[in-house]
Structures are given as C-alpha cells and as structure tokens.
C-alpha cells in the first residue's frame, strides 16, 4: 500500500546507508523517509559525512477534483518522473493547495528536488547520472583525460 503524501514528505532514491534513517517503499525505487523533516534530515546526513542539497527550482503537478490521497500520489509520481530525468535522488513535497477556477476544483502539488552526495559542491547532471548508474570511475577517468593538455588534444576526435 502506498504511503500517504503530505506537505513535508521526503522521498529518496539510492541514498547512502545512514544509521537511524528509516524509510518505507513508495513507488519503484523511491521510498518515503520516516521521522524526519527537511532540517532534521539535513543534520543527520551531514553528521554522516554527506551533503544534502535543496534545489531551488520548484516542480508542480496539477489535477482536477478534490485533494484525494490517490490523486495526490499520482501527481507526486509525475513529479518524481521529472526529478529522475534530472538525476536527483530526493524530493521534498513543499505545498499542496486546493483552489477553484470557474467553479471547478483543482489541486496543485509543489515539490523541490533534493540531492545527497559526498562532495560539498553540487555535481552536474552528467555526474549525477553516472553516480546513479554506478559509473563514477568512468567519469573520473574521462575528467582526468580532458584536463591533461597533452593527452586531451590527442584524444579529441575531429581536432586539427
């Protein structure tokens, strides 16, 4: 059975093992963090030697009708699809608002991506993609080859 999502719910995918961090399966590879809000989770992650990033860009999903749990879960799953495309490994639901337009009820679910990694500077999309697929070694070797002026010029195809 799916967890009920509400404002403050944090969903994670492929996070490091942190003692005292409990989670329950939500959908596919995503799990709901239990017992922590965003600030408490940040303190716990930093104490374990990792960094938890809050991404400022807000993601939204809307649906017609009342704010039923099943519809909210569907909206969150749509947002999770977008978060996965950007290779972030977390999401925090920040707002669920019911409104009316011309008498029709609708709900907007807003959330912000979160990301956990060891580096204190947020990795780019390519590095996040590789780290999620377990290919960090390949990325490091590619970066080292590109940074070497002698080898980088010889390895680049199509350069004169």
N, C-alpha and C. Protein backbone atom coordinates (compact mmCIF):
# COMPACT_ATOMS: atom_id res chain seq x y z
N UNK A 1 0.84 -1.19 0.00
CA UNK A 1 0.00 0.00 0.00
C UNK A 1 0.88 1.24 0.00
N UNK A 2 0.51 2.21 -0.80
CA UNK A 2 1.30 3.44 -0.90
C UNK A 2 1.15 4.30 0.34
N UNK A 3 2.22 5.01 0.66
CA UNK A 3 2.21 5.92 1.78
C UNK A 3 1.40 7.17 1.42
N UNK A 4 0.76 7.75 2.42
CA UNK A 4 0.04 8.99 2.18
C UNK A 4 1.05 10.14 2.16
N UNK A 5 1.00 10.92 1.11
CA UNK A 5 1.93 12.04 0.94
C UNK A 5 1.28 13.30 1.46
N UNK A 6 2.04 14.07 2.22
CA UNK A 6 1.58 15.36 2.72
C UNK A 6 2.72 16.36 2.65
N UNK A 7 2.43 17.60 2.97
CA UNK A 7 3.48 18.63 2.95
C UNK A 7 4.57 18.23 3.94
N UNK A 8 5.82 18.28 3.49
CA UNK A 8 6.96 17.91 4.32
C UNK A 8 7.46 16.51 4.06
N UNK A 9 6.71 15.71 3.31
CA UNK A 9 7.14 14.35 3.00
C UNK A 9 8.40 14.39 2.15
N UNK A 10 9.38 13.57 2.50
CA UNK A 10 10.62 13.48 1.74
C UNK A 10 10.72 12.09 1.15
N UNK A 11 10.97 12.04 -0.16
CA UNK A 11 11.13 10.77 -0.86
C UNK A 11 12.57 10.65 -1.31
N UNK A 12 13.12 9.43 -1.23
CA UNK A 12 14.53 9.22 -1.56
C UNK A 12 14.68 8.05 -2.52
N UNK A 13 15.78 8.08 -3.26
CA UNK A 13 16.12 7.00 -4.17
C UNK A 13 17.64 6.83 -4.17
N UNK A 14 18.12 5.65 -3.84
CA UNK A 14 19.55 5.33 -3.88
C UNK A 14 20.40 6.25 -3.01
N UNK A 15 20.02 6.39 -1.75
CA UNK A 15 20.80 7.18 -0.82
C UNK A 15 21.78 6.29 -0.09
N UNK A 16 22.83 6.89 0.51
CA UNK A 16 23.78 6.10 1.29
C UNK A 16 23.11 5.55 2.55
N UNK A 17 23.68 4.50 3.08
CA UNK A 17 23.17 3.93 4.33
C UNK A 17 23.56 4.85 5.48
N UNK A 18 22.57 5.39 6.17
CA UNK A 18 22.79 6.27 7.32
C UNK A 18 22.08 5.65 8.51
N UNK A 19 22.82 5.45 9.61
CA UNK A 19 22.20 4.82 10.78
C UNK A 19 21.08 5.70 11.33
N UNK A 20 19.99 5.06 11.72
CA UNK A 20 18.86 5.78 12.28
C UNK A 20 17.92 6.37 11.24
N UNK A 21 18.20 6.17 9.97
CA UNK A 21 17.33 6.70 8.91
C UNK A 21 16.41 5.58 8.44
N UNK A 22 15.14 5.70 8.76
CA UNK A 22 14.16 4.69 8.37
C UNK A 22 13.38 5.18 7.17
N UNK A 23 13.09 4.25 6.26
CA UNK A 23 12.27 4.60 5.11
C UNK A 23 11.37 3.44 4.76
N UNK A 24 10.27 3.75 4.08
CA UNK A 24 9.31 2.75 3.63
C UNK A 24 9.14 2.88 2.13
N UNK A 25 8.99 1.76 1.43
CA UNK A 25 8.83 1.81 -0.03
C UNK A 25 7.63 2.66 -0.43
N UNK A 26 7.80 3.39 -1.52
CA UNK A 26 6.71 4.23 -2.03
C UNK A 26 6.29 3.79 -3.42
N UNK A 27 7.20 3.96 -4.38
CA UNK A 27 6.89 3.60 -5.76
C UNK A 27 8.19 3.30 -6.49
N UNK A 28 8.32 2.11 -7.02
CA UNK A 28 9.53 1.75 -7.75
C UNK A 28 10.74 1.85 -6.84
N UNK A 29 11.74 2.63 -7.28
CA UNK A 29 12.97 2.80 -6.49
C UNK A 29 12.84 3.86 -5.40
N UNK A 30 11.71 4.54 -5.31
CA UNK A 30 11.52 5.64 -4.37
C UNK A 30 10.95 5.14 -3.04
N UNK A 31 11.45 5.74 -1.95
CA UNK A 31 10.99 5.41 -0.59
C UNK A 31 10.68 6.70 0.15
N UNK A 32 9.80 6.60 1.15
CA UNK A 32 9.45 7.74 2.00
C UNK A 32 10.28 7.68 3.26
N UNK A 33 10.93 8.79 3.61
CA UNK A 33 11.72 8.90 4.84
C UNK A 33 10.76 9.06 6.01
N UNK A 34 11.00 8.30 7.06
CA UNK A 34 10.15 8.33 8.26
C UNK A 34 10.85 9.05 9.40
N UNK A 35 10.11 9.93 10.09
CA UNK A 35 10.59 10.52 11.33
C UNK A 35 11.48 11.74 11.19
N UNK A 36 11.64 12.29 9.98
CA UNK A 36 12.49 13.48 9.82
C UNK A 36 11.81 14.50 8.92
N UNK A 37 11.98 15.77 9.28
CA UNK A 37 11.63 16.83 8.35
C UNK A 37 12.90 17.20 7.59
N UNK A 38 12.83 18.18 6.69
CA UNK A 38 13.98 18.55 5.87
C UNK A 38 15.19 18.98 6.68
N UNK A 39 14.97 19.76 7.74
CA UNK A 39 16.09 20.26 8.54
C UNK A 39 16.73 19.14 9.36
N UNK A 40 15.91 18.31 9.97
CA UNK A 40 16.43 17.19 10.76
C UNK A 40 17.19 16.20 9.90
N UNK A 41 16.65 15.96 8.70
CA UNK A 41 17.32 15.04 7.77
C UNK A 41 18.66 15.62 7.32
N UNK A 42 18.70 16.92 7.09
CA UNK A 42 19.95 17.57 6.69
C UNK A 42 21.02 17.40 7.77
N UNK A 43 20.64 17.60 9.03
CA UNK A 43 21.59 17.44 10.14
C UNK A 43 22.08 15.99 10.21
N UNK A 44 21.19 15.04 10.04
CA UNK A 44 21.55 13.62 10.11
C UNK A 44 22.51 13.24 8.98
N UNK A 45 22.21 13.72 7.76
CA UNK A 45 23.05 13.42 6.60
C UNK A 45 24.44 14.04 6.77
N UNK A 46 24.50 15.29 7.22
CA UNK A 46 25.80 15.97 7.41
C UNK A 46 26.62 15.29 8.51
N UNK A 47 25.96 14.80 9.55
CA UNK A 47 26.66 14.09 10.62
C UNK A 47 27.30 12.81 10.10
N UNK A 48 26.72 12.24 9.04
CA UNK A 48 27.27 11.01 8.45
C UNK A 48 28.34 11.31 7.41
N UNK A 49 28.66 12.59 7.20
CA UNK A 49 29.73 12.96 6.26
C UNK A 49 29.27 13.20 4.84
N UNK A 50 27.97 13.35 4.63
CA UNK A 50 27.42 13.60 3.30
C UNK A 50 26.82 14.99 3.27
N UNK A 51 26.38 15.44 2.09
CA UNK A 51 25.75 16.75 1.93
C UNK A 51 24.38 16.56 1.30
N UNK A 52 23.39 17.28 1.86
CA UNK A 52 22.02 17.24 1.34
C UNK A 52 21.70 18.60 0.74
N UNK A 53 21.45 18.60 -0.56
CA UNK A 53 21.16 19.85 -1.28
C UNK A 53 19.66 20.04 -1.44
N UNK A 54 19.21 21.28 -1.27
CA UNK A 54 17.85 21.69 -1.57
C UNK A 54 17.91 22.44 -2.88
N UNK A 55 17.24 21.96 -3.91
CA UNK A 55 17.27 22.59 -5.22
C UNK A 55 16.14 23.62 -5.29
N UNK A 56 16.48 24.85 -5.63
CA UNK A 56 15.53 25.95 -5.55
C UNK A 56 14.40 25.87 -6.57
N UNK A 57 14.62 25.24 -7.71
CA UNK A 57 13.57 25.20 -8.73
C UNK A 57 12.41 24.33 -8.25
N UNK A 58 11.23 24.90 -8.30
CA UNK A 58 10.03 24.21 -7.83
C UNK A 58 9.40 23.43 -8.98
N UNK A 59 8.95 22.22 -8.69
CA UNK A 59 8.26 21.40 -9.68
C UNK A 59 6.82 21.27 -9.24
N UNK A 60 5.90 21.32 -10.21
CA UNK A 60 4.48 21.28 -9.89
C UNK A 60 3.75 20.27 -10.75
N UNK A 61 2.67 19.74 -10.19
CA UNK A 61 1.74 18.90 -10.94
C UNK A 61 0.35 19.30 -10.48
N UNK A 62 -0.58 19.40 -11.44
CA UNK A 62 -1.95 19.79 -11.14
C UNK A 62 -2.91 18.69 -11.56
N UNK A 63 -4.07 18.65 -10.90
CA UNK A 63 -5.13 17.75 -11.32
C UNK A 63 -6.48 18.35 -10.95
N UNK A 64 -7.50 17.97 -11.68
CA UNK A 64 -8.86 18.43 -11.42
C UNK A 64 -9.49 17.56 -10.35
N UNK A 65 -10.30 18.19 -9.51
CA UNK A 65 -11.01 17.46 -8.48
C UNK A 65 -10.51 17.80 -7.10
N UNK A 66 -11.09 17.09 -6.13
CA UNK A 66 -10.73 17.31 -4.73
C UNK A 66 -9.38 16.68 -4.41
N UNK A 67 -8.83 17.07 -3.27
CA UNK A 67 -7.49 16.61 -2.86
C UNK A 67 -7.58 15.23 -2.22
N UNK A 68 -7.81 14.20 -3.02
CA UNK A 68 -7.84 12.83 -2.52
C UNK A 68 -6.42 12.25 -2.52
N UNK A 69 -6.15 11.35 -1.57
CA UNK A 69 -4.81 10.78 -1.42
C UNK A 69 -4.34 10.10 -2.70
N UNK A 70 -5.23 9.38 -3.37
CA UNK A 70 -4.85 8.66 -4.59
C UNK A 70 -4.42 9.63 -5.70
N UNK A 71 -5.14 10.74 -5.83
CA UNK A 71 -4.79 11.73 -6.86
C UNK A 71 -3.50 12.46 -6.51
N UNK A 72 -3.30 12.74 -5.23
CA UNK A 72 -2.05 13.39 -4.80
C UNK A 72 -0.87 12.47 -5.08
N UNK A 73 -1.02 11.18 -4.80
CA UNK A 73 0.05 10.21 -5.09
C UNK A 73 0.37 10.17 -6.58
N UNK A 74 -0.66 10.23 -7.42
CA UNK A 74 -0.42 10.24 -8.87
C UNK A 74 0.34 11.49 -9.28
N UNK A 75 -0.01 12.64 -8.70
CA UNK A 75 0.70 13.89 -9.01
C UNK A 75 2.15 13.81 -8.57
N UNK A 76 2.39 13.25 -7.38
CA UNK A 76 3.76 13.10 -6.88
C UNK A 76 4.56 12.19 -7.80
N UNK A 77 3.96 11.13 -8.29
CA UNK A 77 4.65 10.22 -9.21
C UNK A 77 5.03 10.94 -10.50
N UNK A 78 4.19 11.84 -10.97
CA UNK A 78 4.55 12.62 -12.17
C UNK A 78 5.76 13.51 -11.88
N UNK A 79 5.77 14.12 -10.71
CA UNK A 79 6.91 14.96 -10.32
C UNK A 79 8.17 14.09 -10.17
N UNK A 80 8.03 12.91 -9.59
CA UNK A 80 9.18 12.01 -9.43
C UNK A 80 9.77 11.64 -10.79
N UNK A 81 8.93 11.51 -11.80
CA UNK A 81 9.43 11.24 -13.15
C UNK A 81 10.32 12.36 -13.64
N UNK A 82 9.93 13.60 -13.38
CA UNK A 82 10.74 14.75 -13.78
C UNK A 82 12.04 14.82 -12.97
N UNK A 83 11.96 14.53 -11.68
CA UNK A 83 13.15 14.55 -10.83
C UNK A 83 14.15 13.50 -11.30
N UNK A 84 13.64 12.32 -11.67
CA UNK A 84 14.52 11.25 -12.16
C UNK A 84 15.21 11.64 -13.46
N UNK A 85 14.52 12.36 -14.32
CA UNK A 85 15.12 12.81 -15.59
C UNK A 85 16.30 13.74 -15.34
N UNK A 86 16.25 14.50 -14.24
CA UNK A 86 17.34 15.42 -13.91
C UNK A 86 18.39 14.76 -13.02
N UNK A 87 18.19 13.47 -12.70
CA UNK A 87 19.15 12.65 -11.96
C UNK A 87 19.36 13.12 -10.52
N UNK A 88 18.32 13.68 -9.90
CA UNK A 88 18.38 13.98 -8.47
C UNK A 88 17.90 12.74 -7.73
N UNK A 89 18.33 12.56 -6.47
CA UNK A 89 17.97 11.36 -5.74
C UNK A 89 17.04 11.61 -4.56
N UNK A 90 16.37 12.75 -4.55
CA UNK A 90 15.42 13.05 -3.49
C UNK A 90 14.39 14.08 -3.91
N UNK A 91 13.32 14.15 -3.13
CA UNK A 91 12.24 15.10 -3.40
C UNK A 91 11.57 15.44 -2.09
N UNK A 92 11.26 16.72 -1.87
CA UNK A 92 10.51 17.15 -0.70
C UNK A 92 9.24 17.84 -1.16
N UNK A 93 8.10 17.33 -0.72
CA UNK A 93 6.81 17.94 -1.05
C UNK A 93 6.68 19.19 -0.20
N UNK A 94 6.51 20.34 -0.84
CA UNK A 94 6.51 21.61 -0.10
C UNK A 94 5.15 22.29 -0.03
N UNK A 95 4.21 21.88 -0.92
CA UNK A 95 2.91 22.56 -0.90
C UNK A 95 1.86 21.69 -1.61
N UNK A 96 0.68 21.63 -1.02
CA UNK A 96 -0.49 21.01 -1.65
C UNK A 96 -1.62 22.00 -1.47
N UNK A 97 -2.08 22.61 -2.57
CA UNK A 97 -3.06 23.68 -2.49
C UNK A 97 -4.29 23.34 -3.33
N UNK A 98 -5.47 23.45 -2.70
CA UNK A 98 -6.74 23.26 -3.40
C UNK A 98 -7.31 24.62 -3.75
N UNK A 99 -7.75 24.77 -4.99
CA UNK A 99 -8.35 26.03 -5.46
C UNK A 99 -9.53 25.72 -6.37
N UNK A 100 -10.17 26.78 -6.84
CA UNK A 100 -11.27 26.66 -7.81
C UNK A 100 -11.04 27.65 -8.94
N UNK A 101 -11.41 27.21 -10.14
CA UNK A 101 -11.37 28.09 -11.30
C UNK A 101 -12.68 27.89 -12.06
N UNK A 102 -13.46 28.94 -12.18
CA UNK A 102 -14.79 28.87 -12.80
C UNK A 102 -15.64 27.78 -12.16
N UNK A 103 -15.51 27.64 -10.85
CA UNK A 103 -16.30 26.66 -10.11
C UNK A 103 -15.72 25.25 -10.11
N UNK A 104 -14.67 25.00 -10.89
CA UNK A 104 -14.07 23.67 -10.94
C UNK A 104 -12.94 23.56 -9.92
N UNK A 105 -13.02 22.57 -9.04
CA UNK A 105 -11.93 22.39 -8.07
C UNK A 105 -10.70 21.78 -8.74
N UNK A 106 -9.53 22.24 -8.32
CA UNK A 106 -8.28 21.66 -8.78
C UNK A 106 -7.25 21.75 -7.67
N UNK A 107 -6.23 20.92 -7.76
CA UNK A 107 -5.19 20.86 -6.74
C UNK A 107 -3.83 20.98 -7.41
N UNK A 108 -2.95 21.76 -6.79
CA UNK A 108 -1.57 21.87 -7.25
C UNK A 108 -0.67 21.28 -6.18
N UNK A 109 0.17 20.33 -6.58
CA UNK A 109 1.17 19.74 -5.70
C UNK A 109 2.52 20.31 -6.11
N UNK A 110 3.22 20.93 -5.18
CA UNK A 110 4.53 21.52 -5.44
C UNK A 110 5.59 20.80 -4.63
N UNK A 111 6.76 20.65 -5.23
CA UNK A 111 7.86 19.96 -4.56
C UNK A 111 9.19 20.51 -5.06
N UNK A 112 10.21 20.29 -4.25
CA UNK A 112 11.57 20.69 -4.61
C UNK A 112 12.46 19.45 -4.63
N UNK A 113 13.29 19.31 -5.66
CA UNK A 113 14.25 18.21 -5.67
C UNK A 113 15.25 18.36 -4.53
N UNK A 114 15.73 17.23 -4.03
CA UNK A 114 16.81 17.19 -3.05
C UNK A 114 17.87 16.27 -3.63
N UNK A 115 19.11 16.42 -3.18
CA UNK A 115 20.16 15.54 -3.68
C UNK A 115 21.20 15.32 -2.60
N UNK A 116 21.59 14.05 -2.41
CA UNK A 116 22.62 13.69 -1.44
C UNK A 116 23.85 13.22 -2.19
N UNK A 117 24.99 13.76 -1.80
CA UNK A 117 26.28 13.34 -2.36
C UNK A 117 27.36 13.71 -1.36
N UNK A 118 28.57 13.17 -1.56
CA UNK A 118 29.66 13.47 -0.63
C UNK A 118 30.30 14.81 -0.89
N UNK A 119 30.43 15.23 -2.14
CA UNK A 119 31.06 16.49 -2.49
C UNK A 119 30.21 17.66 -1.98
N UNK A 120 30.85 18.72 -1.52
CA UNK A 120 30.11 19.87 -1.00
C UNK A 120 29.63 20.81 -2.11
N UNK A 121 30.04 20.55 -3.35
CA UNK A 121 29.56 21.31 -4.50
C UNK A 121 28.66 20.40 -5.31
N UNK A 122 27.48 20.88 -5.68
CA UNK A 122 26.52 20.06 -6.41
C UNK A 122 27.09 19.62 -7.75
N UNK A 123 27.08 18.30 -7.99
CA UNK A 123 27.55 17.75 -9.26
C UNK A 123 26.62 18.15 -10.39
N UNK A 124 27.17 18.21 -11.60
CA UNK A 124 26.37 18.48 -12.79
C UNK A 124 25.49 17.28 -13.13
N UNK A 125 24.59 17.47 -14.08
CA UNK A 125 23.63 16.43 -14.45
C UNK A 125 24.34 15.15 -14.92
N UNK A 126 25.41 15.29 -15.69
CA UNK A 126 26.12 14.12 -16.20
C UNK A 126 26.77 13.33 -15.06
N UNK A 127 27.37 14.02 -14.12
CA UNK A 127 27.99 13.35 -12.98
C UNK A 127 26.93 12.68 -12.11
N UNK A 128 25.77 13.34 -11.93
CA UNK A 128 24.68 12.72 -11.15
C UNK A 128 24.17 11.48 -11.86
N UNK A 129 24.06 11.54 -13.18
CA UNK A 129 23.57 10.39 -13.94
C UNK A 129 24.53 9.21 -13.78
N UNK A 130 25.82 9.49 -13.90
CA UNK A 130 26.81 8.42 -13.77
C UNK A 130 26.87 7.86 -12.36
N UNK A 131 26.72 8.71 -11.36
CA UNK A 131 26.77 8.22 -9.98
C UNK A 131 25.55 7.36 -9.67
N UNK A 132 24.41 7.69 -10.26
CA UNK A 132 23.20 6.87 -10.03
C UNK A 132 23.32 5.52 -10.73
N UNK A 133 24.08 5.47 -11.81
CA UNK A 133 24.23 4.19 -12.52
C UNK A 133 25.52 3.47 -12.10
N UNK A 134 26.23 4.02 -11.10
CA UNK A 134 27.43 3.36 -10.59
C UNK A 134 28.63 3.47 -11.49
N UNK A 135 28.73 4.54 -12.27
CA UNK A 135 29.82 4.69 -13.21
C UNK A 135 30.75 5.84 -12.85
N UNK A 136 30.94 6.10 -11.57
CA UNK A 136 31.80 7.21 -11.13
C UNK A 136 33.23 7.06 -11.62
N UNK A 137 33.73 5.84 -11.67
CA UNK A 137 35.12 5.62 -12.11
C UNK A 137 35.31 6.06 -13.55
N UNK A 138 34.32 5.78 -14.39
CA UNK A 138 34.40 6.19 -15.79
C UNK A 138 34.42 7.71 -15.90
N UNK A 139 33.60 8.38 -15.09
CA UNK A 139 33.56 9.84 -15.12
C UNK A 139 34.90 10.42 -14.69
N UNK A 140 35.48 9.90 -13.62
CA UNK A 140 36.75 10.40 -13.13
C UNK A 140 37.84 10.23 -14.18
N UNK A 141 37.88 9.08 -14.84
CA UNK A 141 38.92 8.88 -15.84
C UNK A 141 38.71 9.81 -17.03
N UNK A 142 37.44 10.07 -17.40
CA UNK A 142 37.18 10.98 -18.51
C UNK A 142 37.58 12.41 -18.16
N UNK A 143 37.31 12.82 -16.92
CA UNK A 143 37.69 14.16 -16.48
C UNK A 143 39.21 14.30 -16.48
N UNK A 144 39.90 13.28 -15.99
CA UNK A 144 41.37 13.34 -15.96
C UNK A 144 41.95 13.43 -17.36
N UNK A 145 41.37 12.71 -18.32
CA UNK A 145 41.86 12.75 -19.69
C UNK A 145 41.60 14.12 -20.33
N UNK A 146 40.46 14.74 -20.00
CA UNK A 146 40.14 16.04 -20.57
C UNK A 146 40.99 17.15 -19.97
N UNK A 147 41.40 16.98 -18.71
CA UNK A 147 42.15 18.04 -18.06
C UNK A 147 43.63 18.03 -18.43
N UNK A 148 44.12 16.93 -18.98
CA UNK A 148 45.52 16.84 -19.37
C UNK A 148 45.69 17.48 -20.75
N UNK A 149 46.45 18.58 -20.88
CA UNK A 149 46.56 19.27 -22.16
C UNK A 149 47.22 18.41 -23.24
N UNK A 150 48.20 17.59 -22.87
CA UNK A 150 48.90 16.78 -23.87
C UNK A 150 48.00 15.66 -24.39
N UNK A 151 47.40 14.91 -23.46
CA UNK A 151 46.58 13.78 -23.86
C UNK A 151 45.23 14.22 -24.39
N UNK A 152 44.66 15.31 -23.82
CA UNK A 152 43.32 15.75 -24.21
C UNK A 152 43.27 16.12 -25.69
N UNK A 153 44.30 16.78 -26.19
CA UNK A 153 44.31 17.18 -27.59
C UNK A 153 44.44 15.95 -28.50
N UNK A 154 45.22 14.96 -28.05
CA UNK A 154 45.42 13.76 -28.89
C UNK A 154 44.19 12.87 -28.89
N UNK A 155 43.40 12.91 -27.79
CA UNK A 155 42.24 12.03 -27.69
C UNK A 155 40.98 12.60 -28.31
N UNK A 156 40.95 13.92 -28.52
CA UNK A 156 39.74 14.54 -29.06
C UNK A 156 39.58 14.23 -30.53
N UNK A 157 38.46 13.61 -30.92
CA UNK A 157 38.25 13.34 -32.33
C UNK A 157 37.90 14.61 -33.10
N UNK A 158 38.34 14.68 -34.30
CA UNK A 158 37.97 15.78 -35.19
C UNK A 158 38.72 17.07 -34.95
N UNK A 159 39.80 17.08 -34.17
CA UNK A 159 40.55 18.32 -33.98
C UNK A 159 41.75 18.32 -34.92
N UNK A 160 42.12 19.46 -35.36
CA UNK A 160 43.28 19.61 -36.28
C UNK A 160 44.51 20.01 -35.53
